[in-house]
Protein backbone atom coordinates (compact mmCIF):
# COMPACT_ATOMS: atom_id res chain seq x y z
CA UNK A 1 -4.77 27.91 29.05
CA UNK A 2 -5.13 25.76 32.09
CA UNK A 3 -2.46 23.53 33.57
CA UNK A 4 -4.36 20.48 32.40
CA UNK A 5 -4.39 21.71 28.79
CA UNK A 6 -0.67 22.47 28.90
CA UNK A 7 0.03 19.07 30.42
CA UNK A 8 -2.00 17.33 27.69
CA UNK A 9 -0.23 19.30 24.95
CA UNK A 10 3.15 18.41 26.44
CA UNK A 11 2.25 14.73 26.70
CA UNK A 12 0.93 14.68 23.14
CA UNK A 13 4.12 16.27 21.83
CA UNK A 14 6.24 13.76 23.77
CA UNK A 15 4.26 10.81 22.44
CA UNK A 16 4.41 12.02 18.85
CA UNK A 17 8.14 12.66 18.99
CA UNK A 18 8.72 9.16 20.35
CA UNK A 19 6.92 7.54 17.41
CA UNK A 20 9.34 8.44 14.64
CA UNK A 21 12.58 6.96 13.31
CA UNK A 22 14.33 3.68 13.83
CA UNK A 23 12.18 1.63 11.49
CA UNK A 24 13.47 -1.60 10.05
CA UNK A 25 13.33 -0.22 6.54
CA UNK A 26 13.24 -2.30 3.41
CA UNK A 27 15.88 -4.66 2.07
CA UNK A 28 14.74 -3.76 -1.43
CA UNK A 29 16.89 -1.19 -3.27
CA UNK A 30 15.37 2.09 -4.42
CA UNK A 31 13.50 1.93 -7.72
CA UNK A 32 16.12 4.20 -9.28
CA UNK A 33 19.02 1.97 -8.22
CA UNK A 34 18.08 -1.52 -9.40
CA UNK A 35 15.36 -3.55 -11.06
CA UNK A 36 14.10 -6.29 -8.73
CA UNK A 37 15.13 -9.76 -9.91
CA UNK A 38 11.50 -10.90 -9.64
CA UNK A 39 10.54 -8.46 -12.42
CA UNK A 40 12.03 -10.87 -14.96
CA UNK A 41 9.78 -13.76 -13.90
CA UNK A 42 6.71 -12.25 -12.19
CA UNK A 43 4.34 -9.99 -14.13
CA UNK A 44 3.02 -8.43 -10.91
CA UNK A 45 6.53 -7.51 -9.79
CA UNK A 46 7.29 -6.03 -13.21
CA UNK A 47 4.10 -3.94 -13.16
CA UNK A 48 4.80 -2.76 -9.61
CA UNK A 49 8.34 -1.75 -10.60
CA UNK A 50 7.19 0.17 -13.68
CA UNK A 51 4.49 1.95 -11.65
CA UNK A 52 6.99 2.93 -8.94
CA UNK A 53 9.49 4.13 -11.54
CA UNK A 54 6.79 6.19 -13.25
CA UNK A 55 5.92 7.83 -9.92
CA UNK A 56 9.46 9.23 -9.55
CA UNK A 57 9.63 12.87 -10.68
CA UNK A 58 11.71 13.43 -13.79
CA UNK A 59 13.60 16.25 -12.10
CA UNK A 60 15.14 13.75 -9.68
CA UNK A 61 15.80 10.95 -12.17
CA UNK A 62 17.23 12.79 -15.18
CA UNK A 63 20.71 13.03 -13.68
CA UNK A 64 20.97 9.45 -12.32
CA UNK A 65 23.12 6.69 -13.75
CA UNK A 66 21.30 4.17 -15.97
CA UNK A 67 19.83 1.09 -14.30
CA UNK A 68 20.63 -2.35 -15.72
CA UNK A 69 17.37 -3.88 -16.94
CA UNK A 70 16.89 -7.62 -17.60
CA UNK A 71 16.62 -8.82 -21.21
CA UNK A 72 12.86 -9.14 -20.77
CA UNK A 73 10.35 -8.16 -18.14
CA UNK A 74 7.71 -10.70 -17.20
CA UNK A 75 4.30 -10.54 -18.78
CA UNK A 76 1.11 -12.55 -18.58
CA UNK A 77 -1.01 -13.67 -21.52
CA UNK A 78 -3.98 -14.52 -19.30
CA UNK A 79 -4.14 -11.66 -16.79
CA UNK A 80 -6.21 -8.55 -17.36
CA UNK A 81 -4.18 -5.45 -18.28
CA UNK A 82 -3.08 -3.45 -15.25
CA UNK A 83 -3.18 0.33 -15.28
CA UNK A 84 0.14 2.07 -14.72
CA UNK A 85 -0.31 5.69 -13.63
């Protein structure tokens, strides 16, 4: 390999390593820790929560503590049904 190729590989590695970490993150708790308050009043938020909870593998959720769920989750009588994977 030439010096130019090695230099480019080194610069690429340095740039890629500088990109990670330190993100602001989310102020929303993990789906396995709490139900968002909006799920009780917003059908979209309820559907998003159920879809995210369904995406969690059972092997990681079977041993967790139960999550407090509101009396009712929001629903819409006029919206088209949304698919939950």
